[in-house]
Every structure is written in C-alpha cells, then in structure tokens.
Amino acid sequence: MNLLFKKIFKYLLPIAAGGIIGYSYYYFIGCSGTCAIQSNPYLSTIYGMAAGAIFIFPSKEKTESLK
C-alpha cells in the first residue's frame, strides 16, 4: 500500500501543483479579457497542469561512465 501512495504522489503531485499555480496565475496576474490564456481560468489551469506534467518525464537516462 505504501508503494502505491508513493507512485500516486510521484505522478499526481506535480500535475496538481501545476494546476494550482496555473489558477493562481489567472487569479492574481490575469488580464481583463484580451489575453487568451490568462483571461480564462480553465485554460490557465490546464496549461499549468500540462507544465507540471512535464516534470514527470525524465530528461535523460543515467549512464555509467567508463572510467
């Protein structure tokens, strides 16, 4: 059960944090209706979640050095 929670938090925590940051960006910084992303709370939340999902994927595989 502990392994399941670690796996869930590993994948859902960055996405949830990105969604919260995206909505916060809309709420605190958003514009008055002319901006496509910042004027819509749903779009800013989805873009934030997508940005958080980027942190889930590894950037490079670790290789052993030949020394």
PDB file of N, CA and C in Angstrom:
ATOM      1  N   MET A   1       0.823  -1.186   0.000  1.00  0.00           N
ATOM      2  CA  MET A   1       0.000   0.000   0.000  1.00  0.00           C
ATOM      3  C   MET A   1       0.872   1.257   0.000  1.00  0.00           C
ATOM      4  N   ASN A   2       1.982   1.213   0.705  1.00  0.00           N
ATOM      5  CA  ASN A   2       2.873   2.359   0.768  1.00  0.00           C
ATOM      6  C   ASN A   2       3.476   2.662  -0.602  1.00  0.00           C
ATOM      7  N   LEU A   3       3.793   1.618  -1.351  1.00  0.00           N
ATOM      8  CA  LEU A   3       4.348   1.800  -2.692  1.00  0.00           C
ATOM      9  C   LEU A   3       3.327   2.447  -3.625  1.00  0.00           C
ATOM     10  N   LEU A   4       2.060   2.093  -3.461  1.00  0.00           N
ATOM     11  CA  LEU A   4       1.002   2.683  -4.271  1.00  0.00           C
ATOM     12  C   LEU A   4       0.884   4.181  -4.017  1.00  0.00           C
ATOM     13  N   PHE A   5       0.942   4.596  -2.761  1.00  0.00           N
ATOM     14  CA  PHE A   5       0.865   6.015  -2.441  1.00  0.00           C
ATOM     15  C   PHE A   5       2.061   6.779  -2.993  1.00  0.00           C
ATOM     16  N   LYS A   6       3.245   6.197  -2.931  1.00  0.00           N
ATOM     17  CA  LYS A   6       4.428   6.853  -3.484  1.00  0.00           C
ATOM     18  C   LYS A   6       4.292   7.047  -4.986  1.00  0.00           C
ATOM     19  N   LYS A   7       3.758   6.045  -5.663  1.00  0.00           N
ATOM     20  CA  LYS A   7       3.588   6.131  -7.101  1.00  0.00           C
ATOM     21  C   LYS A   7       2.529   7.172  -7.469  1.00  0.00           C
ATOM     22  N   ILE A   8       1.448   7.214  -6.706  1.00  0.00           N
ATOM     23  CA  ILE A   8       0.401   8.197  -6.963  1.00  0.00           C
ATOM     24  C   ILE A   8       0.936   9.608  -6.744  1.00  0.00           C
ATOM     25  N   PHE A   9       1.628   9.830  -5.642  1.00  0.00           N
ATOM     26  CA  PHE A   9       2.161  11.160  -5.368  1.00  0.00           C
ATOM     27  C   PHE A   9       3.222  11.563  -6.374  1.00  0.00           C
ATOM     28  N   LYS A  10       3.973  10.590  -6.870  1.00  0.00           N
ATOM     29  CA  LYS A  10       5.013  10.891  -7.843  1.00  0.00           C
ATOM     30  C   LYS A  10       4.411  11.446  -9.124  1.00  0.00           C
ATOM     31  N   TYR A  11       3.252  10.941  -9.518  1.00  0.00           N
ATOM     32  CA  TYR A  11       2.641  11.382 -10.765  1.00  0.00           C
ATOM     33  C   TYR A  11       1.611  12.491 -10.579  1.00  0.00           C
ATOM     34  N   LEU A  12       0.847  12.465  -9.517  1.00  0.00           N
ATOM     35  CA  LEU A  12      -0.231  13.431  -9.355  1.00  0.00           C
ATOM     36  C   LEU A  12       0.197  14.736  -8.697  1.00  0.00           C
ATOM     37  N   LEU A  13       1.196  14.691  -7.859  1.00  0.00           N
ATOM     38  CA  LEU A  13       1.616  15.899  -7.157  1.00  0.00           C
ATOM     39  C   LEU A  13       2.123  16.990  -8.097  1.00  0.00           C
ATOM     40  N   PRO A  14       2.985  16.696  -9.067  1.00  0.00           N
ATOM     41  CA  PRO A  14       3.407  17.770  -9.989  1.00  0.00           C
ATOM     42  C   PRO A  14       2.258  18.311 -10.838  1.00  0.00           C
ATOM     43  N   ILE A  15       1.324  17.435 -11.229  1.00  0.00           N
ATOM     44  CA  ILE A  15       0.192  17.887 -12.041  1.00  0.00           C
ATOM     45  C   ILE A  15      -0.734  18.765 -11.207  1.00  0.00           C
ATOM     46  N   ALA A  16      -1.017  18.355  -9.974  1.00  0.00           N
ATOM     47  CA  ALA A  16      -1.881  19.158  -9.103  1.00  0.00           C
ATOM     48  C   ALA A  16      -1.224  20.490  -8.758  1.00  0.00           C
ATOM     49  N   ALA A  17       0.075  20.466  -8.490  1.00  0.00           N
ATOM     50  CA  ALA A  17       0.781  21.714  -8.181  1.00  0.00           C
ATOM     51  C   ALA A  17       0.771  22.648  -9.389  1.00  0.00           C
ATOM     52  N   GLY A  18       0.937  22.111 -10.590  1.00  0.00           N
ATOM     53  CA  GLY A  18       0.882  22.920 -11.788  1.00  0.00           C
ATOM     54  C   GLY A  18      -0.497  23.538 -11.995  1.00  0.00           C
ATOM     55  N   GLY A  19      -1.540  22.771 -11.697  1.00  0.00           N
ATOM     56  CA  GLY A  19      -2.894  23.302 -11.798  1.00  0.00           C
ATOM     57  C   GLY A  19      -3.146  24.431 -10.814  1.00  0.00           C
ATOM     58  N   ILE A  20      -2.650  24.267  -9.604  1.00  0.00           N
ATOM     59  CA  ILE A  20      -2.810  25.318  -8.591  1.00  0.00           C
ATOM     60  C   ILE A  20      -2.040  26.567  -8.989  1.00  0.00           C
ATOM     61  N   ILE A  21      -0.837  26.391  -9.501  1.00  0.00           N
ATOM     62  CA  ILE A  21      -0.040  27.539  -9.941  1.00  0.00           C
ATOM     63  C   ILE A  21      -0.681  28.213 -11.154  1.00  0.00           C
ATOM     64  N   GLY A  22      -1.243  27.418 -12.073  1.00  0.00           N
ATOM     65  CA  GLY A  22      -1.911  27.990 -13.238  1.00  0.00           C
ATOM     66  C   GLY A  22      -3.136  28.798 -12.851  1.00  0.00           C
ATOM     67  N   TYR A  23      -3.938  28.274 -11.928  1.00  0.00           N
ATOM     68  CA  TYR A  23      -5.108  29.030 -11.483  1.00  0.00           C
ATOM     69  C   TYR A  23      -4.690  30.274 -10.697  1.00  0.00           C
ATOM     70  N   SER A  24      -3.647  30.143  -9.893  1.00  0.00           N
ATOM     71  CA  SER A  24      -3.151  31.305  -9.151  1.00  0.00           C
ATOM     72  C   SER A  24      -2.667  32.390 -10.095  1.00  0.00           C
ATOM     73  N   TYR A  25      -2.061  31.979 -11.190  1.00  0.00           N
ATOM     74  CA  TYR A  25      -1.617  32.950 -12.190  1.00  0.00           C
ATOM     75  C   TYR A  25      -2.821  33.681 -12.772  1.00  0.00           C
ATOM     76  N   TYR A  26      -3.882  32.949 -13.065  1.00  0.00           N
ATOM     77  CA  TYR A  26      -5.101  33.590 -13.564  1.00  0.00           C
ATOM     78  C   TYR A  26      -5.672  34.541 -12.527  1.00  0.00           C
ATOM     79  N   TYR A  27      -5.743  34.106 -11.290  1.00  0.00           N
ATOM     80  CA  TYR A  27      -6.413  34.876 -10.250  1.00  0.00           C
ATOM     81  C   TYR A  27      -5.658  36.141  -9.880  1.00  0.00           C
ATOM     82  N   PHE A  28      -4.340  36.046  -9.724  1.00  0.00           N
ATOM     83  CA  PHE A  28      -3.557  37.175  -9.253  1.00  0.00           C
ATOM     84  C   PHE A  28      -2.995  38.049 -10.377  1.00  0.00           C
ATOM     85  N   ILE A  29      -2.668  37.479 -11.538  1.00  0.00           N
ATOM     86  CA  ILE A  29      -1.980  38.219 -12.584  1.00  0.00           C
ATOM     87  C   ILE A  29      -2.833  38.376 -13.838  1.00  0.00           C
ATOM     88  N   GLY A  30      -3.840  37.539 -14.028  1.00  0.00           N
ATOM     89  CA  GLY A  30      -4.636  37.515 -15.259  1.00  0.00           C
ATOM     90  C   GLY A  30      -5.062  38.887 -15.760  1.00  0.00           C
ATOM     91  N   CYS A  31      -5.401  38.950 -17.045  1.00  0.00           N
ATOM     92  CA  CYS A  31      -5.745  40.240 -17.644  1.00  0.00           C
ATOM     93  C   CYS A  31      -7.258  40.380 -17.784  1.00  0.00           C
ATOM     94  N   SER A  32      -7.701  41.449 -18.426  1.00  0.00           N
ATOM     95  CA  SER A  32      -9.116  41.815 -18.427  1.00  0.00           C
ATOM     96  C   SER A  32      -9.920  41.247 -19.591  1.00  0.00           C
ATOM     97  N   GLY A  33      -9.482  40.235 -20.252  1.00  0.00           N
ATOM     98  CA  GLY A  33     -10.288  39.614 -21.295  1.00  0.00           C
ATOM     99  C   GLY A  33      -9.670  39.567 -22.671  1.00  0.00           C
ATOM    100  N   THR A  34      -8.568  40.227 -22.899  1.00  0.00           N
ATOM    101  CA  THR A  34      -7.962  40.206 -24.223  1.00  0.00           C
ATOM    102  C   THR A  34      -6.906  39.116 -24.359  1.00  0.00           C
ATOM    103  N   CYS A  35      -6.386  38.617 -23.276  1.00  0.00           N
ATOM    104  CA  CYS A  35      -5.383  37.558 -23.316  1.00  0.00           C
ATOM    105  C   CYS A  35      -6.086  36.199 -23.407  1.00  0.00           C
ATOM    106  N   ALA A  36      -5.583  35.325 -24.232  1.00  0.00           N
ATOM    107  CA  ALA A  36      -6.252  34.040 -24.440  1.00  0.00           C
ATOM    108  C   ALA A  36      -6.119  33.105 -23.241  1.00  0.00           C
ATOM    109  N   ILE A  37      -4.948  33.026 -22.668  1.00  0.00           N
ATOM    110  CA  ILE A  37      -4.732  32.070 -21.578  1.00  0.00           C
ATOM    111  C   ILE A  37      -5.101  32.681 -20.234  1.00  0.00           C
ATOM    112  N   GLN A  38      -4.674  33.880 -19.964  1.00  0.00           N
ATOM    113  CA  GLN A  38      -4.841  34.460 -18.644  1.00  0.00           C
ATOM    114  C   GLN A  38      -6.270  34.906 -18.348  1.00  0.00           C
ATOM    115  N   SER A  39      -7.114  35.091 -19.356  1.00  0.00           N
ATOM    116  CA  SER A  39      -8.463  35.567 -19.095  1.00  0.00           C
ATOM    117  C   SER A  39      -9.439  34.429 -18.829  1.00  0.00           C
ATOM    118  N   ASN A  40      -9.027  33.187 -18.991  1.00  0.00           N
ATOM    119  CA  ASN A  40      -9.894  32.041 -18.789  1.00  0.00           C
ATOM    120  C   ASN A  40      -9.309  31.158 -17.688  1.00  0.00           C
ATOM    121  N   PRO A  41     -10.029  30.938 -16.588  1.00  0.00           N
ATOM    122  CA  PRO A  41      -9.458  30.134 -15.501  1.00  0.00           C
ATOM    123  C   PRO A  41      -9.255  28.675 -15.892  1.00  0.00           C
ATOM    124  N   TYR A  42     -10.094  28.150 -16.779  1.00  0.00           N
ATOM    125  CA  TYR A  42      -9.948  26.751 -17.179  1.00  0.00           C
ATOM    126  C   TYR A  42      -8.690  26.548 -18.020  1.00  0.00           C
ATOM    127  N   LEU A  43      -8.459  27.450 -18.957  1.00  0.00           N
ATOM    128  CA  LEU A  43      -7.268  27.315 -19.796  1.00  0.00           C
ATOM    129  C   LEU A  43      -5.985  27.498 -19.002  1.00  0.00           C
ATOM    130  N   SER A  44      -5.969  28.465 -18.103  1.00  0.00           N
ATOM    131  CA  SER A  44      -4.747  28.676 -17.329  1.00  0.00           C
ATOM    132  C   SER A  44      -4.480  27.490 -16.396  1.00  0.00           C
ATOM    133  N   THR A  45      -5.536  26.872 -15.876  1.00  0.00           N
ATOM    134  CA  THR A  45      -5.351  25.694 -15.031  1.00  0.00           C
ATOM    135  C   THR A  45      -4.849  24.513 -15.847  1.00  0.00           C
ATOM    136  N   ILE A  46      -5.409  24.319 -17.033  1.00  0.00           N
ATOM    137  CA  ILE A  46      -4.977  23.206 -17.888  1.00  0.00           C
ATOM    138  C   ILE A  46      -3.532  23.396 -18.351  1.00  0.00           C
ATOM    139  N   TYR A  47      -3.171  24.614 -18.725  1.00  0.00           N
ATOM    140  CA  TYR A  47      -1.780  24.871 -19.112  1.00  0.00           C
ATOM    141  C   TYR A  47      -0.830  24.674 -17.927  1.00  0.00           C
ATOM    142  N   GLY A  48      -1.257  25.050 -16.748  1.00  0.00           N
ATOM    143  CA  GLY A  48      -0.439  24.808 -15.562  1.00  0.00           C
ATOM    144  C   GLY A  48      -0.272  23.333 -15.277  1.00  0.00           C
ATOM    145  N   MET A  49      -1.345  22.566 -15.460  1.00  0.00           N
ATOM    146  CA  MET A  49      -1.256  21.118 -15.262  1.00  0.00           C
ATOM    147  C   MET A  49      -0.346  20.477 -16.302  1.00  0.00           C
ATOM    148  N   ALA A  50      -0.396  20.966 -17.530  1.00  0.00           N
ATOM    149  CA  ALA A  50       0.492  20.442 -18.569  1.00  0.00           C
ATOM    150  C   ALA A  50       1.949  20.764 -18.250  1.00  0.00           C
ATOM    151  N   ALA A  51       2.183  21.957 -17.732  1.00  0.00           N
ATOM    152  CA  ALA A  51       3.548  22.319 -17.348  1.00  0.00           C
ATOM    153  C   ALA A  51       4.021  21.465 -16.176  1.00  0.00           C
ATOM    154  N   GLY A  52       3.135  21.151 -15.248  1.00  0.00           N
ATOM    155  CA  GLY A  52       3.501  20.271 -14.138  1.00  0.00           C
ATOM    156  C   GLY A  52       3.756  18.849 -14.599  1.00  0.00           C
ATOM    157  N   ALA A  53       3.033  18.406 -15.632  1.00  0.00           N
ATOM    158  CA  ALA A  53       3.226  17.050 -16.156  1.00  0.00           C
ATOM    159  C   ALA A  53       4.580  16.890 -16.834  1.00  0.00           C
ATOM    160  N   ILE A  54       5.147  17.979 -17.293  1.00  0.00           N
ATOM    161  CA  ILE A  54       6.465  17.905 -17.934  1.00  0.00           C
ATOM    162  C   ILE A  54       7.520  17.417 -16.941  1.00  0.00           C
ATOM    163  N   PHE A  55       7.354  17.756 -15.665  1.00  0.00           N
ATOM    164  CA  PHE A  55       8.346  17.359 -14.672  1.00  0.00           C
ATOM    165  C   PHE A  55       8.291  15.874 -14.327  1.00  0.00           C
ATOM    166  N   ILE A  56       7.273  15.166 -14.774  1.00  0.00           N
ATOM    167  CA  ILE A  56       7.177  13.737 -14.503  1.00  0.00           C
ATOM    168  C   ILE A  56       8.150  12.949 -15.370  1.00  0.00           C
ATOM    169  N   PHE A  57       8.301  13.370 -16.622  1.00  0.00           N
ATOM    170  CA  PHE A  57       9.112  12.616 -17.566  1.00  0.00           C
ATOM    171  C   PHE A  57      10.593  12.884 -17.339  1.00  0.00           C
ATOM    172  N   PRO A  58      11.406  11.848 -17.365  1.00  0.00           N
ATOM    173  CA  PRO A  58      12.851  12.058 -17.174  1.00  0.00           C
ATOM    174  C   PRO A  58      13.469  12.753 -18.379  1.00  0.00           C
ATOM    175  N   SER A  59      14.477  13.568 -18.108  1.00  0.00           N
ATOM    176  CA  SER A  59      15.108  14.302 -19.196  1.00  0.00           C
ATOM    177  C   SER A  59      16.154  13.467 -19.922  1.00  0.00           C
ATOM    178  N   LYS A  60      16.966  12.745 -19.198  1.00  0.00           N
ATOM    179  CA  LYS A  60      17.973  11.882 -19.809  1.00  0.00           C
ATOM    180  C   LYS A  60      18.120  10.625 -18.962  1.00  0.00           C
ATOM    181  N   GLU A  61      18.493   9.551 -19.612  1.00  0.00           N
ATOM    182  CA  GLU A  61      18.780   8.345 -18.876  1.00  0.00           C
ATOM    183  C   GLU A  61      20.190   8.439 -18.303  1.00  0.00           C
ATOM    184  N   LYS A  62      20.352   7.969 -17.111  1.00  0.00           N
ATOM    185  CA  LYS A  62      21.669   7.992 -16.489  1.00  0.00           C
ATOM    186  C   LYS A  62      22.479   6.816 -17.022  1.00  0.00           C
ATOM    187  N   THR A  63      23.699   7.115 -17.431  1.00  0.00           N
ATOM    188  CA  THR A  63      24.596   6.066 -17.920  1.00  0.00           C
ATOM    189  C   THR A  63      25.827   6.017 -17.033  1.00  0.00           C
ATOM    190  N   GLU A  64      26.393   4.852 -16.965  1.00  0.00           N
ATOM    191  CA  GLU A  64      27.603   4.680 -16.172  1.00  0.00           C
ATOM    192  C   GLU A  64      28.807   5.158 -16.985  1.00  0.00           C
ATOM    193  N   SER A  65      29.714   5.842 -16.320  1.00  0.00           N
ATOM    194  CA  SER A  65      30.912   6.286 -17.013  1.00  0.00           C
ATOM    195  C   SER A  65      31.881   5.129 -17.185  1.00  0.00           C
ATOM    196  N   LEU A  66      32.753   5.215 -18.142  1.00  0.00           N
ATOM    197  CA  LEU A  66      33.683   4.135 -18.453  1.00  0.00           C
ATOM    198  C   LEU A  66      35.013   4.279 -17.739  1.00  0.00           C
ATOM    199  N   LYS A  67      35.094   5.058 -16.710  1.00  0.00           N
ATOM    200  CA  LYS A  67      36.357   5.257 -16.004  1.00  0.00           C
ATOM    201  C   LYS A  67      36.723   4.090 -15.160  1.00  0.00           C
TER     202      LYS A  67
END
